[in-house]
């Protein structure tokens, strides 16, 4: 391009784990185009892929395949809201979960807004064109900061549907969880009856074969797992070709969630076996 050669170190922000033009993947895509390129309903190949995801993520009971990671996180939040009948969404400051109106909030450190205290980061909308009501129930916490998480859970107790985070944060560089952070976040969300969403669009299968729930301890250098069946967890494994995946526990999949046109059709595929850092005031009472 422009007479220069460039090396792609971005790799679709880490989603392209096997790189570009891998011969095995290219051959498989070429072969599939002989049989069809896009189906409106689940096909046998989707079931095969669901089985492989189920093998790697044993806690998964149902899946929804999407066209992108943006759709996967959007559907996950919508489903969490429908299942809990609550509107609040917790997300991490600096984390990016796609450009949906609800989640395009505080994806970077604010430039023209006070950062806020460490336990209560400022919430600011990243784009024009987003109605105020779309983000008014989105609340912000700090990654690796359990005090911040519990502060918001207490402050909005009974209002929070879900807490969405990457088990290993990638938007601000690769930031692993502190030892015990993911397990403690799981315990706090369970305590406050909040669904936990692991967005693994970028990091799925990299922390461990079973993703963040299995390898979160290893990523945090503590060698401890979250357990084989974390309750109230919705997971979004990574993708190699364009698209995304939402996976979830069956009891949350039955919420009446529409998809737009033909909203009544079955949306899931059952498996057969199935800051720039500034000085911030401390939280009152913290050491």
C-alpha atoms as a PDB file:
ATOM      1  CA  UNK A   1       0.000   0.000   0.000  1.00  0.00           C
ATOM      2  CA  UNK A   2       1.428   3.401  -1.024  1.00  0.00           C
ATOM      3  CA  UNK A   3       4.552   1.563  -2.144  1.00  0.00           C
ATOM      4  CA  UNK A   4       5.190   0.283   1.382  1.00  0.00           C
ATOM      5  CA  UNK A   5       4.732  -3.047   3.087  1.00  0.00           C
ATOM      6  CA  UNK A   6       3.057  -3.143   6.481  1.00  0.00           C
ATOM      7  CA  UNK A   7       2.972  -5.811   9.182  1.00  0.00           C
ATOM      8  CA  UNK A   8      -0.395  -6.156  10.872  1.00  0.00           C
ATOM      9  CA  UNK A   9       0.338  -6.386  14.582  1.00  0.00           C
ATOM     10  CA  UNK A  10      -3.226  -5.383  15.450  1.00  0.00           C
ATOM     11  CA  UNK A  11      -4.770  -8.607  14.086  1.00  0.00           C
ATOM     12  CA  UNK A  12      -8.321  -7.274  14.402  1.00  0.00           C
ATOM     13  CA  UNK A  13      -7.512  -6.240  17.964  1.00  0.00           C
ATOM     14  CA  UNK A  14      -6.397  -9.796  18.839  1.00  0.00           C
ATOM     15  CA  UNK A  15      -9.452 -11.567  17.418  1.00  0.00           C
ATOM     16  CA  UNK A  16      -7.484 -13.099  14.512  1.00  0.00           C
ATOM     17  CA  UNK A  17      -5.593 -15.585  16.639  1.00  0.00           C
ATOM     18  CA  UNK A  18      -4.455 -17.675  13.646  1.00  0.00           C
ATOM     19  CA  UNK A  19      -3.416 -14.677  11.559  1.00  0.00           C
ATOM     20  CA  UNK A  20      -4.402 -13.796   8.010  1.00  0.00           C
ATOM     21  CA  UNK A  21      -4.765 -16.284   5.164  1.00  0.00           C
ATOM     22  CA  UNK A  22      -3.971 -19.342   7.242  1.00  0.00           C
ATOM     23  CA  UNK A  23      -4.016 -22.125   4.613  1.00  0.00           C
ATOM     24  CA  UNK A  24      -6.160 -24.515   6.676  1.00  0.00           C
ATOM     25  CA  UNK A  25      -8.773 -21.830   7.410  1.00  0.00           C
ATOM     26  CA  UNK A  26      -8.690 -20.508   3.826  1.00  0.00           C
ATOM     27  CA  UNK A  27      -9.245 -24.024   2.460  1.00  0.00           C
ATOM     28  CA  UNK A  28     -12.140 -24.639   4.830  1.00  0.00           C
ATOM     29  CA  UNK A  29     -13.814 -21.339   3.886  1.00  0.00           C
ATOM     30  CA  UNK A  30     -13.340 -22.086   0.182  1.00  0.00           C
ATOM     31  CA  UNK A  31     -14.885 -25.511   0.573  1.00  0.00           C
ATOM     32  CA  UNK A  32     -17.866 -24.135   2.501  1.00  0.00           C
ATOM     33  CA  UNK A  33     -18.641 -21.558  -0.202  1.00  0.00           C
ATOM     34  CA  UNK A  34     -19.413 -24.473  -2.515  1.00  0.00           C
ATOM     35  CA  UNK A  35     -22.302 -25.413  -0.235  1.00  0.00           C
ATOM     36  CA  UNK A  36     -23.523 -21.968   0.841  1.00  0.00           C
ATOM     37  CA  UNK A  37     -22.291 -18.786   2.473  1.00  0.00           C
ATOM     38  CA  UNK A  38     -25.088 -17.500   4.698  1.00  0.00           C
ATOM     39  CA  UNK A  39     -28.124 -19.230   6.172  1.00  0.00           C
ATOM     40  CA  UNK A  40     -31.045 -17.693   7.999  1.00  0.00           C
ATOM     41  CA  UNK A  41     -31.484 -20.732  10.245  1.00  0.00           C
ATOM     42  CA  UNK A  42     -28.987 -23.018  12.025  1.00  0.00           C
ATOM     43  CA  UNK A  43     -27.178 -25.487   9.754  1.00  0.00           C
ATOM     44  CA  UNK A  44     -25.247 -28.685  10.608  1.00  0.00           C
ATOM     45  CA  UNK A  45     -21.949 -26.779  10.664  1.00  0.00           C
ATOM     46  CA  UNK A  46     -23.350 -24.520  13.390  1.00  0.00           C
ATOM     47  CA  UNK A  47     -24.173 -27.567  15.489  1.00  0.00           C
ATOM     48  CA  UNK A  48     -20.655 -28.928  14.975  1.00  0.00           C
ATOM     49  CA  UNK A  49     -19.180 -25.631  16.134  1.00  0.00           C
ATOM     50  CA  UNK A  50     -21.572 -25.546  19.093  1.00  0.00           C
ATOM     51  CA  UNK A  51     -20.304 -28.983  20.114  1.00  0.00           C
ATOM     52  CA  UNK A  52     -16.696 -27.807  20.025  1.00  0.00           C
ATOM     53  CA  UNK A  53     -17.526 -24.731  22.117  1.00  0.00           C
ATOM     54  CA  UNK A  54     -19.412 -26.972  24.536  1.00  0.00           C
ATOM     55  CA  UNK A  55     -16.357 -29.226  24.817  1.00  0.00           C
ATOM     56  CA  UNK A  56     -14.156 -26.277  25.730  1.00  0.00           C
ATOM     57  CA  UNK A  57     -16.740 -24.518  27.910  1.00  0.00           C
ATOM     58  CA  UNK A  58     -18.575 -27.330  29.746  1.00  0.00           C
ATOM     59  CA  UNK A  59     -20.857 -24.927  31.638  1.00  0.00           C
ATOM     60  CA  UNK A  60     -22.444 -23.704  28.381  1.00  0.00           C
ATOM     61  CA  UNK A  61     -25.943 -25.037  27.765  1.00  0.00           C
ATOM     62  CA  UNK A  62     -27.203 -22.911  24.878  1.00  0.00           C
ATOM     63  CA  UNK A  63     -25.586 -20.768  22.190  1.00  0.00           C
ATOM     64  CA  UNK A  64     -26.510 -17.918  19.913  1.00  0.00           C
ATOM     65  CA  UNK A  65     -24.306 -17.200  16.906  1.00  0.00           C
ATOM     66  CA  UNK A  66     -24.144 -13.582  15.790  1.00  0.00           C
ATOM     67  CA  UNK A  67     -22.642 -11.595  12.941  1.00  0.00           C
ATOM     68  CA  UNK A  68     -20.212  -9.707  15.176  1.00  0.00           C
ATOM     69  CA  UNK A  69     -18.925  -9.300  18.687  1.00  0.00           C
ATOM     70  CA  UNK A  70     -20.950  -6.074  18.942  1.00  0.00           C
ATOM     71  CA  UNK A  71     -24.137  -8.070  18.477  1.00  0.00           C
ATOM     72  CA  UNK A  72     -22.998 -10.733  20.924  1.00  0.00           C
ATOM     73  CA  UNK A  73     -22.476  -8.265  23.782  1.00  0.00           C
ATOM     74  CA  UNK A  74     -25.642  -6.364  22.879  1.00  0.00           C
ATOM     75  CA  UNK A  75     -27.732  -9.543  23.008  1.00  0.00           C
ATOM     76  CA  UNK A  76     -26.058 -10.650  26.233  1.00  0.00           C
ATOM     77  CA  UNK A  77     -26.982  -7.398  27.977  1.00  0.00           C
ATOM     78  CA  UNK A  78     -30.501  -7.479  26.570  1.00  0.00           C
ATOM     79  CA  UNK A  79     -30.947 -11.055  27.749  1.00  0.00           C
ATOM     80  CA  UNK A  80     -29.609 -10.222  31.203  1.00  0.00           C
ATOM     81  CA  UNK A  81     -32.082  -7.378  31.485  1.00  0.00           C
ATOM     82  CA  UNK A  82     -34.966  -9.537  30.344  1.00  0.00           C
ATOM     83  CA  UNK A  83     -34.058 -12.402  32.684  1.00  0.00           C
ATOM     84  CA  UNK A  84     -33.601 -10.195  35.761  1.00  0.00           C
ATOM     85  CA  UNK A  85     -36.227  -7.529  34.982  1.00  0.00           C
ATOM     86  CA  UNK A  86     -33.590  -4.932  35.891  1.00  0.00           C
ATOM     87  CA  UNK A  87     -31.978  -2.252  33.701  1.00  0.00           C
ATOM     88  CA  UNK A  88     -28.632  -1.421  35.292  1.00  0.00           C
ATOM     89  CA  UNK A  89     -25.373  -2.434  33.594  1.00  0.00           C
ATOM     90  CA  UNK A  90     -21.942  -2.304  35.208  1.00  0.00           C
ATOM     91  CA  UNK A  91     -18.889  -2.021  32.968  1.00  0.00           C
ATOM     92  CA  UNK A  92     -15.199  -1.317  33.451  1.00  0.00           C
ATOM     93  CA  UNK A  93     -13.664   2.077  32.785  1.00  0.00           C
ATOM     94  CA  UNK A  94     -11.547   1.865  29.633  1.00  0.00           C
ATOM     95  CA  UNK A  95     -13.159  -1.361  28.452  1.00  0.00           C
ATOM     96  CA  UNK A  96     -14.684  -1.643  24.979  1.00  0.00           C
ATOM     97  CA  UNK A  97     -17.551  -4.055  24.334  1.00  0.00           C
ATOM     98  CA  UNK A  98     -18.692  -2.801  20.948  1.00  0.00           C
ATOM     99  CA  UNK A  99     -20.490   0.297  19.723  1.00  0.00           C
ATOM    100  CA  UNK A 100     -23.981  -0.367  21.056  1.00  0.00           C
ATOM    101  CA  UNK A 101     -25.575   2.629  22.771  1.00  0.00           C
ATOM    102  CA  UNK A 102     -25.619   1.009  26.215  1.00  0.00           C
ATOM    103  CA  UNK A 103     -21.948   0.014  26.219  1.00  0.00           C
ATOM    104  CA  UNK A 104     -20.264   2.890  24.372  1.00  0.00           C
ATOM    105  CA  UNK A 105     -19.658   4.575  27.698  1.00  0.00           C
ATOM    106  CA  UNK A 106     -16.309   5.361  29.363  1.00  0.00           C
ATOM    107  CA  UNK A 107     -14.287   3.302  26.894  1.00  0.00           C
ATOM    108  CA  UNK A 108     -11.266   5.529  27.557  1.00  0.00           C
ATOM    109  CA  UNK A 109     -10.109   7.916  30.229  1.00  0.00           C
ATOM    110  CA  UNK A 110     -12.134  11.143  30.006  1.00  0.00           C
ATOM    111  CA  UNK A 111     -10.263  14.074  28.481  1.00  0.00           C
ATOM    112  CA  UNK A 112     -12.655  16.942  29.230  1.00  0.00           C
ATOM    113  CA  UNK A 113     -14.444  15.430  32.223  1.00  0.00           C
ATOM    114  CA  UNK A 114     -13.071  15.022  35.766  1.00  0.00           C
ATOM    115  CA  UNK A 115     -11.912  11.425  36.177  1.00  0.00           C
ATOM    116  CA  UNK A 116     -13.726  10.990  39.457  1.00  0.00           C
ATOM    117  CA  UNK A 117     -12.511   9.084  42.509  1.00  0.00           C
ATOM    118  CA  UNK A 118     -10.905   5.687  42.104  1.00  0.00           C
ATOM    119  CA  UNK A 119     -13.901   3.803  43.470  1.00  0.00           C
ATOM    120  CA  UNK A 120     -16.372   5.829  41.356  1.00  0.00           C
ATOM    121  CA  UNK A 121     -14.981   6.672  37.880  1.00  0.00           C
ATOM    122  CA  UNK A 122     -16.823   9.271  35.841  1.00  0.00           C
ATOM    123  CA  UNK A 123     -19.369   7.983  33.355  1.00  0.00           C
ATOM    124  CA  UNK A 124     -19.314   9.689  29.983  1.00  0.00           C
ATOM    125  CA  UNK A 125     -20.798   8.833  26.591  1.00  0.00           C
ATOM    126  CA  UNK A 126     -18.254   8.281  23.826  1.00  0.00           C
ATOM    127  CA  UNK A 127     -20.266   9.447  20.818  1.00  0.00           C
ATOM    128  CA  UNK A 128     -22.794  11.973  19.634  1.00  0.00           C
ATOM    129  CA  UNK A 129     -26.114  10.568  18.496  1.00  0.00           C
ATOM    130  CA  UNK A 130     -26.736   8.400  21.569  1.00  0.00           C
ATOM    131  CA  UNK A 131     -29.967   9.323  23.351  1.00  0.00           C
ATOM    132  CA  UNK A 132     -29.486  10.158  27.052  1.00  0.00           C
ATOM    133  CA  UNK A 133     -31.851   7.392  28.066  1.00  0.00           C
ATOM    134  CA  UNK A 134     -29.738   4.729  26.355  1.00  0.00           C
ATOM    135  CA  UNK A 135     -26.835   5.110  28.755  1.00  0.00           C
ATOM    136  CA  UNK A 136     -28.475   6.414  31.908  1.00  0.00           C
ATOM    137  CA  UNK A 137     -28.438   2.936  33.471  1.00  0.00           C
ATOM    138  CA  UNK A 138     -24.778   2.228  32.629  1.00  0.00           C
ATOM    139  CA  UNK A 139     -22.486   2.498  35.648  1.00  0.00           C
ATOM    140  CA  UNK A 140     -18.679   2.411  35.713  1.00  0.00           C
ATOM    141  CA  UNK A 141     -16.177   0.568  37.904  1.00  0.00           C
ATOM    142  CA  UNK A 142     -12.405   0.120  37.882  1.00  0.00           C
ATOM    143  CA  UNK A 143     -10.807  -3.101  36.667  1.00  0.00           C
ATOM    144  CA  UNK A 144      -8.972  -5.054  39.383  1.00  0.00           C
ATOM    145  CA  UNK A 145     -10.690  -2.883  42.003  1.00  0.00           C
ATOM    146  CA  UNK A 146     -13.084  -4.905  44.137  1.00  0.00           C
ATOM    147  CA  UNK A 147     -13.849  -1.912  46.347  1.00  0.00           C
ATOM    148  CA  UNK A 148     -15.110  -0.015  43.305  1.00  0.00           C
ATOM    149  CA  UNK A 149     -17.243  -2.989  42.238  1.00  0.00           C
ATOM    150  CA  UNK A 150     -18.879  -3.461  45.614  1.00  0.00           C
ATOM    151  CA  UNK A 151     -19.412   0.284  46.018  1.00  0.00           C
ATOM    152  CA  UNK A 152     -21.501   0.385  42.826  1.00  0.00           C
ATOM    153  CA  UNK A 153     -23.302  -2.865  43.654  1.00  0.00           C
ATOM    154  CA  UNK A 154     -24.338  -1.443  47.014  1.00  0.00           C
ATOM    155  CA  UNK A 155     -25.167   1.996  45.640  1.00  0.00           C
ATOM    156  CA  UNK A 156     -27.471   0.533  42.988  1.00  0.00           C
ATOM    157  CA  UNK A 157     -28.575  -2.589  44.822  1.00  0.00           C
ATOM    158  CA  UNK A 158     -31.671  -4.081  43.230  1.00  0.00           C
ATOM    159  CA  UNK A 159     -31.111  -2.141  39.989  1.00  0.00           C
ATOM    160  CA  UNK A 160     -28.156  -3.956  38.376  1.00  0.00           C
ATOM    161  CA  UNK A 161     -28.916  -6.643  35.810  1.00  0.00           C
ATOM    162  CA  UNK A 162     -25.340  -7.557  34.906  1.00  0.00           C
ATOM    163  CA  UNK A 163     -21.644  -6.825  35.225  1.00  0.00           C
ATOM    164  CA  UNK A 164     -19.811  -7.146  31.887  1.00  0.00           C
ATOM    165  CA  UNK A 165     -16.032  -7.366  31.693  1.00  0.00           C
ATOM    166  CA  UNK A 166     -13.194  -9.013  29.849  1.00  0.00           C
ATOM    167  CA  UNK A 167     -11.450 -11.564  32.107  1.00  0.00           C
ATOM    168  CA  UNK A 168      -8.211 -10.077  30.773  1.00  0.00           C
ATOM    169  CA  UNK A 169      -8.648  -6.441  29.777  1.00  0.00           C
ATOM    170  CA  UNK A 170      -7.384  -5.661  26.273  1.00  0.00           C
ATOM    171  CA  UNK A 171      -8.570  -2.170  25.331  1.00  0.00           C
ATOM    172  CA  UNK A 172      -5.874  -0.396  27.360  1.00  0.00           C
ATOM    173  CA  UNK A 173      -3.166  -2.911  26.562  1.00  0.00           C
ATOM    174  CA  UNK A 174      -3.148  -6.445  27.903  1.00  0.00           C
ATOM    175  CA  UNK A 175      -4.017  -6.071  31.590  1.00  0.00           C
ATOM    176  CA  UNK A 176      -4.409  -9.420  33.404  1.00  0.00           C
ATOM    177  CA  UNK A 177      -6.658  -9.774  36.432  1.00  0.00           C
ATOM    178  CA  UNK A 178      -5.008  -9.546  39.818  1.00  0.00           C
ATOM    179  CA  UNK A 179      -4.764 -12.827  41.743  1.00  0.00           C
ATOM    180  CA  UNK A 180      -8.236 -13.726  42.986  1.00  0.00           C
ATOM    181  CA  UNK A 181      -9.991 -10.797  41.279  1.00  0.00           C
ATOM    182  CA  UNK A 182     -12.263 -12.797  38.968  1.00  0.00           C
ATOM    183  CA  UNK A 183     -13.252 -15.229  41.687  1.00  0.00           C
ATOM    184  CA  UNK A 184     -14.048 -12.371  44.066  1.00  0.00           C
ATOM    185  CA  UNK A 185     -16.043 -10.591  41.335  1.00  0.00           C
ATOM    186  CA  UNK A 186     -18.009 -13.821  40.846  1.00  0.00           C
ATOM    187  CA  UNK A 187     -18.745 -13.990  44.568  1.00  0.00           C
ATOM    188  CA  UNK A 188     -19.808 -10.331  44.748  1.00  0.00           C
ATOM    189  CA  UNK A 189     -22.143 -10.570  41.768  1.00  0.00           C
ATOM    190  CA  UNK A 190     -23.695 -13.699  43.239  1.00  0.00           C
ATOM    191  CA  UNK A 191     -24.105 -11.943  46.588  1.00  0.00           C
ATOM    192  CA  UNK A 192     -25.972  -9.044  44.961  1.00  0.00           C
ATOM    193  CA  UNK A 193     -27.933 -11.263  42.544  1.00  0.00           C
ATOM    194  CA  UNK A 194     -26.276  -9.803  39.449  1.00  0.00           C
ATOM    195  CA  UNK A 195     -25.499 -11.722  36.269  1.00  0.00           C
ATOM    196  CA  UNK A 196     -21.827 -11.882  35.293  1.00  0.00           C
ATOM    197  CA  UNK A 197     -20.927 -11.549  31.610  1.00  0.00           C
ATOM    198  CA  UNK A 198     -17.451 -12.503  30.440  1.00  0.00           C
ATOM    199  CA  UNK A 199     -16.750 -10.839  27.111  1.00  0.00           C
ATOM    200  CA  UNK A 200     -14.228 -13.173  25.493  1.00  0.00           C
ATOM    201  CA  UNK A 201     -14.610 -11.968  21.918  1.00  0.00           C
ATOM    202  CA  UNK A 202     -10.894 -11.144  21.890  1.00  0.00           C
ATOM    203  CA  UNK A 203      -9.381 -13.345  24.565  1.00  0.00           C
ATOM    204  CA  UNK A 204     -11.485 -16.528  24.478  1.00  0.00           C
ATOM    205  CA  UNK A 205      -9.387 -19.726  24.431  1.00  0.00           C
ATOM    206  CA  UNK A 206      -6.202 -17.740  25.083  1.00  0.00           C
ATOM    207  CA  UNK A 207      -6.262 -17.682  28.883  1.00  0.00           C
ATOM    208  CA  UNK A 208      -7.094 -21.385  28.875  1.00  0.00           C
ATOM    209  CA  UNK A 209      -8.970 -23.898  26.739  1.00  0.00           C
ATOM    210  CA  UNK A 210     -12.050 -23.158  28.841  1.00  0.00           C
ATOM    211  CA  UNK A 211     -11.577 -19.399  28.766  1.00  0.00           C
ATOM    212  CA  UNK A 212     -11.683 -16.995  31.676  1.00  0.00           C
ATOM    213  CA  UNK A 213     -13.769 -19.135  34.036  1.00  0.00           C
ATOM    214  CA  UNK A 214     -11.237 -21.949  33.851  1.00  0.00           C
ATOM    215  CA  UNK A 215      -8.030 -19.989  33.505  1.00  0.00           C
ATOM    216  CA  UNK A 216      -8.805 -16.733  35.260  1.00  0.00           C
ATOM    217  CA  UNK A 217      -6.691 -17.803  38.173  1.00  0.00           C
ATOM    218  CA  UNK A 218      -3.770 -18.662  35.956  1.00  0.00           C
ATOM    219  CA  UNK A 219      -4.055 -15.336  34.157  1.00  0.00           C
ATOM    220  CA  UNK A 220      -3.980 -13.684  37.548  1.00  0.00           C
ATOM    221  CA  UNK A 221      -0.973 -15.804  38.525  1.00  0.00           C
ATOM    222  CA  UNK A 222      -2.802 -17.359  41.457  1.00  0.00           C
ATOM    223  CA  UNK A 223      -3.269 -20.805  39.934  1.00  0.00           C
ATOM    224  CA  UNK A 224      -6.905 -20.938  41.104  1.00  0.00           C
ATOM    225  CA  UNK A 225      -9.983 -21.493  38.969  1.00  0.00           C
ATOM    226  CA  UNK A 226     -13.420 -19.958  39.275  1.00  0.00           C
ATOM    227  CA  UNK A 227     -14.928 -23.427  39.300  1.00  0.00           C
ATOM    228  CA  UNK A 228     -16.368 -25.622  36.539  1.00  0.00           C
ATOM    229  CA  UNK A 229     -19.911 -24.191  36.592  1.00  0.00           C
ATOM    230  CA  UNK A 230     -19.955 -20.505  37.561  1.00  0.00           C
ATOM    231  CA  UNK A 231     -23.551 -19.491  38.181  1.00  0.00           C
ATOM    232  CA  UNK A 232     -25.212 -16.658  36.306  1.00  0.00           C
ATOM    233  CA  UNK A 233     -22.442 -16.498  33.721  1.00  0.00           C
ATOM    234  CA  UNK A 234     -22.925 -15.591  30.073  1.00  0.00           C
ATOM    235  CA  UNK A 235     -19.845 -16.108  27.945  1.00  0.00           C
ATOM    236  CA  UNK A 236     -18.750 -14.747  24.575  1.00  0.00           C
ATOM    237  CA  UNK A 237     -15.973 -16.910  23.089  1.00  0.00           C
ATOM    238  CA  UNK A 238     -13.540 -15.502  20.546  1.00  0.00           C
ATOM    239  CA  UNK A 239     -13.882 -15.678  16.813  1.00  0.00           C
ATOM    240  CA  UNK A 240     -11.451 -16.339  13.967  1.00  0.00           C
ATOM    241  CA  UNK A 241     -13.727 -15.541  11.027  1.00  0.00           C
ATOM    242  CA  UNK A 242     -16.153 -12.591  11.195  1.00  0.00           C
ATOM    243  CA  UNK A 243     -18.919 -13.200  13.679  1.00  0.00           C
ATOM    244  CA  UNK A 244     -19.451 -13.699  17.384  1.00  0.00           C
ATOM    245  CA  UNK A 245     -20.979 -16.161  19.798  1.00  0.00           C
ATOM    246  CA  UNK A 246     -23.105 -15.748  22.886  1.00  0.00           C
ATOM    247  CA  UNK A 247     -23.333 -18.703  25.245  1.00  0.00           C
ATOM    248  CA  UNK A 248     -25.345 -19.016  28.402  1.00  0.00           C
ATOM    249  CA  UNK A 249     -27.019 -21.120  31.036  1.00  0.00           C
ATOM    250  CA  UNK A 250     -30.354 -22.544  29.895  1.00  0.00           C
ATOM    251  CA  UNK A 251     -32.465 -21.006  32.652  1.00  0.00           C
ATOM    252  CA  UNK A 252     -31.566 -17.520  31.410  1.00  0.00           C
ATOM    253  CA  UNK A 253     -32.137 -18.382  27.762  1.00  0.00           C
ATOM    254  CA  UNK A 254     -35.915 -18.609  28.121  1.00  0.00           C
ATOM    255  CA  UNK A 255     -36.459 -14.891  28.647  1.00  0.00           C
ATOM    256  CA  UNK A 256     -38.684 -13.406  25.889  1.00  0.00           C
ATOM    257  CA  UNK A 257     -36.014 -11.535  23.927  1.00  0.00           C
ATOM    258  CA  UNK A 258     -36.764 -10.394  20.367  1.00  0.00           C
ATOM    259  CA  UNK A 259     -34.229 -10.058  17.559  1.00  0.00           C
ATOM    260  CA  UNK A 260     -36.089  -7.692  15.258  1.00  0.00           C
ATOM    261  CA  UNK A 261     -37.571  -9.252  12.106  1.00  0.00           C
ATOM    262  CA  UNK A 262     -38.953 -12.712  12.821  1.00  0.00           C
ATOM    263  CA  UNK A 263     -38.295 -12.127  16.495  1.00  0.00           C
ATOM    264  CA  UNK A 264     -40.258 -15.203  17.472  1.00  0.00           C
ATOM    265  CA  UNK A 265     -37.897 -17.683  15.856  1.00  0.00           C
ATOM    266  CA  UNK A 266     -35.699 -19.828  18.112  1.00  0.00           C
ATOM    267  CA  UNK A 267     -32.535 -17.775  18.692  1.00  0.00           C
ATOM    268  CA  UNK A 268     -30.302 -20.399  20.276  1.00  0.00           C
ATOM    269  CA  UNK A 269     -28.487 -23.548  19.180  1.00  0.00           C
ATOM    270  CA  UNK A 270     -28.655 -26.232  21.880  1.00  0.00           C
ATOM    271  CA  UNK A 271     -25.609 -28.464  22.046  1.00  0.00           C
ATOM    272  CA  UNK A 272     -26.264 -32.121  21.577  1.00  0.00           C
ATOM    273  CA  UNK A 273     -24.725 -32.963  24.932  1.00  0.00           C
ATOM    274  CA  UNK A 274     -26.569 -30.665  25.639  1.00  0.00           C
ATOM    275  CA  UNK A 275      -5.753   6.618  32.747  1.00  0.00           C
ATOM    276  CA  UNK A 276      -3.633   8.218  32.137  1.00  0.00           C
ATOM    277  CA  UNK A 277      -3.405   7.865  35.909  1.00  0.00           C
ATOM    278  CA  UNK A 278      -4.076  10.919  38.064  1.00  0.00           C
ATOM    279  CA  UNK A 279      -4.265  11.246  41.820  1.00  0.00           C
ATOM    280  CA  UNK A 280      -7.648  10.072  43.026  1.00  0.00           C
ATOM    281  CA  UNK A 281      -9.097  10.392  46.528  1.00  0.00           C
ATOM    282  CA  UNK A 282      -9.369   7.110  48.364  1.00  0.00           C
ATOM    283  CA  UNK A 283     -12.618   5.444  49.275  1.00  0.00           C
ATOM    284  CA  UNK A 284     -13.702   6.473  52.763  1.00  0.00           C
ATOM    285  CA  UNK A 285     -12.334   3.978  55.220  1.00  0.00           C
ATOM    286  CA  UNK A 286      -9.790   2.427  52.866  1.00  0.00           C
ATOM    287  CA  UNK A 287      -6.209   2.001  53.931  1.00  0.00           C
END
